[in-house]
Every structure is written in C-alpha cells, then in structure tokens.
Protein backbone atom coordinates (compact mmCIF):
# COMPACT_ATOMS: atom_id res chain seq x y z
CA MET A 1 148.71 122.12 83.01
CA GLY A 2 151.24 124.65 84.25
CA ARG A 3 154.05 122.10 84.58
CA VAL A 4 157.55 123.48 84.97
CA PHE A 5 160.94 122.23 83.83
CA ASN A 6 162.02 120.37 86.95
CA PHE A 7 165.79 120.39 87.54
CA ASN A 8 165.56 119.15 91.14
CA PRO A 9 168.39 116.77 92.09
CA GLY A 10 166.09 114.26 93.78
CA PRO A 11 163.31 113.54 94.20
CA SER A 12 163.34 114.61 90.61
CA THR A 13 161.23 114.80 87.50
CA LEU A 14 159.32 111.75 86.27
CA PRO A 15 158.23 111.05 82.67
CA LEU A 16 154.89 112.72 81.98
CA ASP A 17 153.72 109.59 80.15
CA VAL A 18 154.33 107.57 83.30
CA LEU A 19 152.50 110.05 85.52
CA LYS A 20 149.48 109.90 83.21
CA ILE A 21 149.35 106.10 83.48
CA VAL A 22 149.57 106.30 87.27
CA GLN A 23 146.79 108.88 87.27
CA ALA A 24 144.55 106.74 85.06
CA GLU A 25 145.10 103.56 87.06
CA LEU A 26 145.19 105.02 90.55
CA LEU A 27 141.58 104.46 91.61
CA ASP A 28 140.94 101.20 89.77
CA TYR A 29 143.97 99.14 88.83
CA ARG A 30 143.04 97.09 85.78
CA GLY A 31 139.50 96.31 86.83
CA THR A 32 140.28 95.21 90.39
CA GLY A 33 138.10 97.98 91.83
CA MET A 34 140.96 99.25 93.98
CA SER A 35 144.28 101.03 93.73
CA ILE A 36 147.50 99.04 93.53
CA ILE A 37 148.38 100.85 96.77
CA GLU A 38 145.53 98.97 98.43
CA SER A 39 146.21 95.60 96.83
CA SER A 40 147.90 92.71 98.59
CA HIS A 41 151.53 92.22 97.69
CA ARG A 42 150.61 88.52 97.42
CA SER A 43 147.96 89.23 94.77
CA PRO A 44 148.41 88.08 91.16
CA GLU A 45 148.26 91.73 90.06
CA TYR A 46 151.25 92.70 92.18
CA ASP A 47 153.10 89.50 91.36
CA GLU A 48 152.89 90.48 87.69
CA ILE A 49 154.29 93.93 88.50
CA ASN A 50 157.15 92.47 90.53
CA GLU A 51 158.09 89.85 87.94
CA SER A 52 157.79 92.31 85.06
CA ALA A 53 159.96 94.90 86.82
CA MET A 54 162.67 92.31 87.44
CA SER A 55 162.55 91.09 83.85
CA LEU A 56 162.68 94.61 82.42
CA ALA A 57 165.66 95.51 84.61
CA ARG A 58 167.64 92.53 83.32
CA GLU A 59 166.65 93.34 79.74
CA LEU A 60 167.54 97.05 79.88
CA PHE A 61 170.86 96.51 81.63
CA GLY A 62 171.86 93.47 79.57
CA LEU A 63 171.99 91.11 82.53
CA GLY A 64 171.37 87.37 82.56
CA ASP A 65 169.57 85.19 85.04
CA ASP A 66 172.76 85.04 87.11
CA TYR A 67 171.81 88.50 88.43
CA HIS A 68 169.21 88.98 91.14
CA VAL A 69 167.01 92.08 90.96
CA LEU A 70 166.00 93.37 94.39
CA PHE A 71 163.64 96.15 95.42
CA MET A 72 164.71 97.34 98.86
CA THR A 73 163.89 100.17 101.25
CA GLY A 74 165.99 102.52 103.35
CA GLY A 75 167.46 104.40 100.40
CA ALA A 76 170.93 103.98 99.01
CA SER A 77 172.19 105.12 102.43
CA SER A 78 171.11 101.78 103.93
CA GLN A 79 173.22 100.00 101.32
CA PHE A 80 176.29 101.75 102.73
CA ALA A 81 175.91 99.44 105.74
CA PHE A 82 174.34 96.43 103.99
CA ILE A 83 177.39 95.86 101.81
CA PRO A 84 180.07 95.57 104.54
CA LEU A 85 177.61 93.79 106.83
CA ASN A 86 177.09 91.07 104.22
CA PHE A 87 180.55 90.81 102.69
CA LEU A 88 183.28 91.96 105.09
CA ASN A 89 184.82 88.99 106.88
CA ASP A 90 187.56 89.00 109.52
CA GLY A 91 190.92 89.81 107.98
CA GLN A 92 189.37 91.54 104.98
CA VAL A 93 188.93 95.19 104.04
CA GLY A 94 186.49 97.00 101.86
CA ALA A 95 188.41 99.01 99.24
CA TYR A 96 186.86 102.42 98.51
CA VAL A 97 187.46 105.30 96.11
CA ASP A 98 186.49 108.57 97.80
CA THR A 99 185.00 111.03 95.31
CA GLY A 100 182.48 113.01 97.35
CA SER A 101 179.95 113.19 100.14
CA TRP A 102 178.16 109.94 99.31
CA SER A 103 181.28 107.81 99.02
CA ALA A 104 182.53 109.39 102.26
CA LYS A 105 179.32 108.30 103.98
CA ALA A 106 179.73 104.78 102.61
CA ILE A 107 183.29 104.70 103.98
CA LYS A 108 182.07 105.87 107.39
CA GLU A 109 179.49 103.07 107.58
CA ALA A 110 182.01 100.44 106.49
CA ASN A 111 184.37 101.51 109.25
CA ILE A 112 181.62 100.99 111.83
CA ILE A 113 181.22 97.38 110.70
CA GLY A 114 184.77 96.52 109.67
CA THR A 115 187.65 98.23 107.93
CA ALA A 116 187.42 100.49 104.90
CA GLU A 117 190.65 101.19 103.05
CA VAL A 118 190.59 104.31 100.88
CA ILE A 119 192.72 103.48 97.85
CA ALA A 120 192.17 106.76 95.98
CA SER A 121 190.61 110.12 96.81
CA SER A 122 190.06 113.58 95.37
CA LYS A 123 189.13 115.06 98.75
CA ALA A 124 192.26 117.22 98.95
CA ALA A 125 191.19 118.92 95.71
CA GLU A 126 187.63 119.47 96.99
CA TYR A 127 186.41 116.54 94.91
CA LYS A 128 186.85 118.40 91.63
CA PHE A 129 187.89 115.31 89.68
CA ILE A 130 187.66 111.52 89.56
CA PRO A 131 191.01 109.88 90.39
CA ASN A 132 192.82 108.12 87.56
CA MET A 133 191.63 104.53 87.71
CA SER A 134 194.82 103.20 86.15
CA ASP A 135 196.74 104.42 89.22
CA ILE A 136 194.81 102.49 91.85
CA THR A 137 196.16 99.47 93.71
CA ILE A 138 193.60 97.15 95.24
CA PRO A 139 194.64 95.44 98.50
CA GLY A 140 195.09 91.69 98.30
CA ASN A 141 192.63 91.17 101.16
CA ALA A 142 189.88 93.32 99.63
CA ALA A 143 186.42 91.78 99.83
CA TYR A 144 185.20 94.23 97.20
CA LEU A 145 185.99 97.56 95.52
CA HIS A 146 183.35 100.25 96.02
CA ILE A 147 182.90 103.30 93.80
CA THR A 148 180.22 105.99 93.37
CA SER A 149 179.61 106.49 89.67
CA ASN A 150 178.19 110.02 89.80
CA ASN A 151 178.40 112.71 92.44
CA THR A 152 175.34 114.88 92.69
CA ILE A 153 176.82 117.55 94.97
CA LYS A 154 180.18 118.24 93.30
CA GLY A 155 179.16 117.38 89.73
CA THR A 156 181.68 114.67 88.81
CA GLN A 157 181.17 111.34 87.08
CA TYR A 158 183.22 108.29 86.16
CA HIS A 159 183.99 107.96 82.46
CA GLU A 160 186.51 105.15 82.99
CA TRP A 161 185.94 102.11 85.17
CA PRO A 162 188.59 100.54 87.38
CA ASN A 163 189.98 97.16 86.47
CA ALA A 164 189.14 95.28 89.64
CA GLY A 165 190.41 91.93 88.39
CA ALA A 166 189.03 89.14 90.55
CA VAL A 167 187.84 91.58 93.22
CA PRO A 168 184.06 92.15 93.06
CA LEU A 169 183.24 95.66 91.81
CA VAL A 170 180.44 97.38 93.73
CA CYS A 171 178.89 100.64 92.53
CA ASP A 172 176.50 103.22 93.89
CA MET A 173 174.75 104.37 90.69
CA SER A 174 171.98 106.28 92.39
CA SER A 175 172.25 109.42 90.29
CA ASP A 176 173.18 108.15 86.83
CA ILE A 177 171.82 104.62 86.46
CA ALA A 178 170.02 103.98 83.16
CA SER A 179 171.38 107.22 81.68
CA ARG A 180 173.85 105.70 79.22
CA VAL A 181 175.00 102.44 77.67
CA LEU A 182 177.37 100.51 79.93
CA ASP A 183 178.64 96.98 80.32
CA PHE A 184 176.77 96.37 83.56
CA THR A 185 178.25 92.87 83.80
CA LYS A 186 181.49 94.49 84.99
CA PHE A 187 179.80 94.94 88.36
CA SER A 188 179.10 92.32 91.00
CA LEU A 189 176.65 94.62 92.78
CA ILE A 190 174.94 97.83 91.70
CA TYR A 191 172.59 99.83 93.89
CA ALA A 192 170.58 102.95 93.15
CA GLY A 193 167.96 104.98 94.94
CA ALA A 194 165.08 105.30 92.49
CA GLN A 195 164.40 109.01 92.93
CA LYS A 196 166.78 110.27 90.23
CA ASN A 197 166.25 108.21 87.07
CA LEU A 198 164.04 105.27 88.02
CA GLY A 199 160.96 106.43 89.89
CA PRO A 200 159.82 107.99 93.16
CA SER A 201 161.69 107.98 96.44
CA GLY A 202 161.01 104.99 98.66
CA VAL A 203 162.59 102.09 96.77
CA THR A 204 166.20 101.20 96.04
CA LEU A 205 167.15 98.96 93.13
CA VAL A 206 169.87 96.40 93.85
CA LEU A 207 171.39 94.26 91.09
CA ILE A 208 173.62 91.50 92.45
CA ARG A 209 175.48 88.71 90.70
CA ASP A 210 174.65 85.29 92.13
CA GLU A 211 178.33 84.40 92.51
CA PHE A 212 178.77 87.42 94.77
CA LEU A 213 175.52 86.76 96.61
CA GLN A 214 176.81 83.36 97.65
CA LYS A 215 179.61 85.11 99.56
CA CYS A 216 177.14 86.75 101.94
CA LYS A 217 177.89 85.98 105.55
CA ASP A 218 175.65 83.61 107.45
CA GLY A 219 174.08 84.44 110.79
CA LEU A 220 172.89 87.92 109.93
CA PRO A 221 169.51 89.24 111.10
CA THR A 222 166.96 88.07 108.56
CA MET A 223 166.10 91.47 107.12
CA PHE A 224 169.77 92.48 106.84
CA SER A 225 170.83 89.61 104.60
CA TYR A 226 170.79 90.03 100.83
CA LYS A 227 170.03 86.32 100.59
CA THR A 228 166.65 86.86 102.26
CA HIS A 229 165.56 89.43 99.70
CA ALA A 230 166.95 87.45 96.75
CA GLU A 231 165.36 84.14 97.80
CA GLN A 232 162.00 85.81 98.45
CA LYS A 233 162.09 88.02 95.32
CA SER A 234 161.85 91.14 97.52
CA LEU A 235 158.62 89.83 99.05
CA TYR A 236 159.82 88.64 102.46
CA ASN A 237 158.08 91.66 103.96
CA THR A 238 155.54 94.06 102.49
CA PRO A 239 157.39 95.92 99.71
CA PRO A 240 156.99 99.58 98.66
CA SER A 241 154.45 98.39 96.10
CA LEU A 242 153.51 101.77 94.61
CA CYS A 243 157.17 102.65 94.09
CA VAL A 244 157.95 99.32 92.41
CA TYR A 245 154.88 99.74 90.20
CA ILE A 246 156.06 103.17 89.07
CA MET A 247 159.61 101.88 88.55
CA LYS A 248 158.19 99.20 86.27
CA LEU A 249 156.42 101.91 84.27
CA VAL A 250 159.66 103.90 84.03
CA PHE A 251 161.47 100.79 82.75
CA GLU A 252 158.75 100.43 80.11
CA TRP A 253 159.11 104.10 79.21
CA ILE A 254 162.88 103.70 78.75
CA LYS A 255 162.31 100.65 76.57
CA ASN A 256 159.76 102.54 74.48
CA GLN A 257 162.25 105.38 73.95
CA GLY A 258 164.57 102.86 72.31
CA GLY A 259 166.45 101.63 75.36
CA LEU A 260 169.62 103.02 76.90
CA ALA A 261 171.19 103.92 73.55
CA ALA A 262 168.32 106.29 72.75
CA VAL A 263 168.30 107.71 76.28
CA GLU A 264 172.05 108.32 76.11
CA LYS A 265 171.69 110.21 72.81
CA VAL A 266 169.20 112.62 74.38
CA ASN A 267 171.26 112.98 77.55
CA ARG A 268 174.34 113.80 75.50
CA ALA A 269 172.45 116.58 73.70
CA LYS A 270 171.15 117.96 77.01
CA LYS A 271 174.54 118.16 78.67
CA ASP A 272 176.13 119.60 75.51
CA ALA A 273 173.58 122.44 75.53
CA ILE A 274 174.49 123.48 79.08
CA TYR A 275 178.23 122.83 78.96
CA GLY A 276 178.35 124.64 75.63
CA MET A 277 176.97 127.74 77.34
CA ILE A 278 179.52 127.42 80.16
CA ASP A 279 182.51 126.81 77.90
CA GLY A 280 181.49 129.59 75.54
CA ASN A 281 181.22 132.14 78.33
CA PRO A 282 183.94 131.31 80.89
CA ASP A 283 184.06 134.87 82.28
CA PHE A 284 180.44 134.62 83.42
CA TYR A 285 179.65 130.91 83.87
CA LYS A 286 182.40 128.88 85.54
CA GLY A 287 182.23 125.11 85.79
CA THR A 288 183.42 123.77 89.13
CA VAL A 289 185.06 120.47 88.10
CA GLN A 290 187.80 119.36 85.74
CA PRO A 291 186.42 118.82 82.20
CA GLY A 292 187.44 115.16 82.05
CA SER A 293 185.37 114.37 85.13
CA ARG A 294 182.24 116.33 84.26
CA SER A 295 178.90 114.80 85.13
CA TRP A 296 176.21 114.44 82.49
CA MET A 297 173.55 114.33 85.19
CA ASN A 298 174.51 117.14 87.59
CA ILE A 299 176.21 120.20 86.12
CA THR A 300 177.64 122.50 88.78
CA LEU A 301 178.64 126.10 88.08
CA ARG A 302 179.27 129.47 89.65
CA LEU A 303 178.45 133.01 88.52
CA PRO A 304 180.59 136.10 89.16
CA SER A 305 178.96 136.74 92.56
CA GLU A 306 176.62 135.09 95.05
CA ASP A 307 174.15 137.93 94.52
CA LEU A 308 174.02 137.13 90.81
CA GLU A 309 173.55 133.45 91.62
CA LYS A 310 170.56 134.26 93.83
CA LYS A 311 169.13 136.47 91.11
CA PHE A 312 169.70 133.78 88.49
CA ILE A 313 167.93 131.13 90.57
CA SER A 314 165.02 133.46 91.38
CA GLU A 315 164.47 134.64 87.81
CA ALA A 316 164.88 131.11 86.46
CA LYS A 317 162.16 129.89 88.80
CA ALA A 318 159.85 132.69 87.67
CA ALA A 319 160.50 131.61 84.09
CA GLY A 320 159.55 127.99 84.83
CA PHE A 321 162.95 126.46 85.59
CA VAL A 322 162.92 125.08 89.16
CA GLY A 323 165.43 123.25 91.36
CA LEU A 324 168.59 125.03 90.19
CA LYS A 325 170.02 125.97 93.57
CA GLY A 326 173.33 124.28 94.36
CA HIS A 327 173.64 121.95 97.32
CA ARG A 328 173.67 123.82 100.62
CA SER A 329 177.22 122.60 101.35
CA VAL A 330 178.73 124.16 98.21
CA GLY A 331 176.33 126.85 96.97
CA GLY A 332 176.29 128.02 93.38
CA VAL A 333 174.01 126.61 90.69
CA ARG A 334 173.31 122.97 89.89
CA VAL A 335 171.56 121.79 86.73
CA SER A 336 170.28 118.23 87.10
CA LEU A 337 169.55 116.61 83.75
CA TYR A 338 167.95 113.30 84.64
CA ASN A 339 166.39 111.07 82.00
CA ALA A 340 162.85 112.37 82.32
CA LEU A 341 163.82 115.99 81.76
CA PRO A 342 163.04 116.62 78.07
CA LEU A 343 165.70 117.96 75.71
CA GLU A 344 163.56 121.07 75.30
CA GLY A 345 164.11 121.85 78.98
CA ALA A 346 167.89 121.92 78.61
CA GLN A 347 167.73 123.90 75.38
CA ARG A 348 165.40 126.51 76.83
CA LEU A 349 167.50 126.80 79.98
CA ALA A 350 170.56 127.43 77.79
CA GLU A 351 168.63 130.23 76.08
CA PHE A 352 167.68 131.66 79.47
CA MET A 353 171.34 131.52 80.53
CA SER A 354 172.32 133.45 77.43
CA ASP A 355 169.69 136.13 78.00
CA PHE A 356 170.53 136.42 81.70
CA MET A 357 174.23 136.87 80.94
CA LYS A 358 173.55 139.62 78.40
CA LYS A 359 171.41 141.50 80.90
CA ASN A 360 173.79 141.18 83.83
CA LYS A 361 177.31 141.49 82.44
C-alpha cells in the first residue's frame, strides 16, 4: 500500500485495523444504505456509537458511573477557557503549573476570565524539566489545580502527580492519554484532543467527575456550560459524529490489544529504542530535556548542526519515516511515538539513526 511510518505530532497515525474498518463501513454503515457521516445523530445507529464510546472510555480508564464522558469540539484549546469559565468564582484563583507552550496558553485564557496563579514553572530553564511536585504549594482559594501531562513541543512528561488534597486536579492529557496505566480517579477533570492517541482531529474527550461538575457556575451561555453537554450526553447540538465513531473504534482497538497495560508495554519498548540510541551516542544525538522528565510520546533531540538535522529529516523521509521535524519554535528533531505507531517503526528508525550517524560523523 506504500504506507509510511508516521511520526507526525498531530494529527498523527491511526491504527491500520481501525482505518480498514472505516473504509469497509464508509459507504454503507451496517446495512443502513448510507455512511455514518450522513446519518442522523438521533438515529439508533449513532446512539449505539455514542453509548458504546462512553462505556468503553470508562472501562479503559477505570472510571465509574460518577464520571461523565463528553465529546466536545473546539479542540483542547477551547477547554483552556471552558475550565475557568465554569469553575472560577469571585475570590478564587485557578492554580497552574507552567511546563510549556500549552500550559502557558491555558494560563493566558484563565487570566482573561479570572485569575490564574502560577505555582510552579520551568520556563526560566526553557521548559527542560517538570517541576518537583513535592515542592508545590496550592493556594487556599484555588478552585482547581491545572497541569499538562505531556508537552509535545519541548518533550517533557509528568512521571509524578501532584498531591492536590481536596483541590480538584485538572489535566490536559491531549498528547499522552491512553498511553500508560494510571489511576485516572486522581483527576476531577481530564481533557484531550483526539488527534494524538484517540482518533482524528475534530473531537475532544472530556472526563469529568460528577462531584466537580456540580460546582459549575450557573448562568453561563448554554453551549459553554459543561452541565449542558453532560446532561445531554454530548447530543445537545449535532456532534462530530464521524470523529466519535472513529474514537469508539480506537477504544475497541486498545481493548483488543489487551488494554492500557499492553499498550504501555509496547510504548515502553518504543521509547527505549530511541532513547537508547540517544544515550549511547551523546556526541551525535543530544536529548533536549532532563532524563527524569523525558516524554515517552514526544522525544526531542538535536544533531551536531542544523545542516545535519535538515539532512537527517530529508533522508529519513525518503526512507519512509515522516513527520520528524521539530516544532518550528524550537527546531531540531522530534520523534512522536503515539499508540498507533507500531514497535517496528521505532526499531527501524533506531536502525536508521545508527546508519545515519556512521555515515555523517
């Protein structure tokens, strides 16, 4: 088929098994004589998709019925504003940990609506590490504590969660959700754009504990209240039905792999293959973040010169490895290892890295 190993940071690779199901069902969804794209979101066929996707999300993430599963639009970036809009009351602050571009954007939006208090930051060190969570102090008037679990641009990731106590813990998991086993019940609200590990761009998954949902402010515009989407099971308005359908298929694919434990095992092997090449050749491949904060999903590195980086990216693309260019704000090379990238892709890229180094030392 001529498919490449897709290392794009998002929209990113999808499981081939899922794409084949979409292809087979695209013109005639289960005997309806039409595509699911054309079907009413009030139809029994779509209702089954919606209910199944919600049920699978709770099952995979180990959540009970006290969590609402929402399928929203506007990307994770809309959630930057949704959260303070719904939960910041007069006299309260939103507590934030600043670990990169996306958390900085969330802080900016919160300050438009209310007050964001940055309680820890690695900005002064160019976001090369995740602050020590045992050192943070949460303000007494905090409505919530917001963190960003993985940082796609700088290549850092949380490997220790803050102890928020009674303060609701909110997390942007856009780029590493469903990649490893976690106690997801630690969080009062999780949100994630689908286009990394869950499906195509166009839908954002929101998981919200009912106890936290009840704290949503009244009097908000209908579409800007979490309560609207929870009460209507994400069907108040026409949903991104194709995206939710594909997300449901991805949830089924994860379950068929053996759940998050099996996915984590493969992801660990993938990141070990690339980091092993970096650590074994520090004079040629240089990681850009502190080892204790390294991301499993987005590995960032530099080569001895920008010219070599351009050559590496060009030759890698010719060899079938695409999407390796670093973010435009930082340059370098970025290797995104999302769930759907097969282990073979990481292993073969490591071999390519070895060959490239030998030829260009």
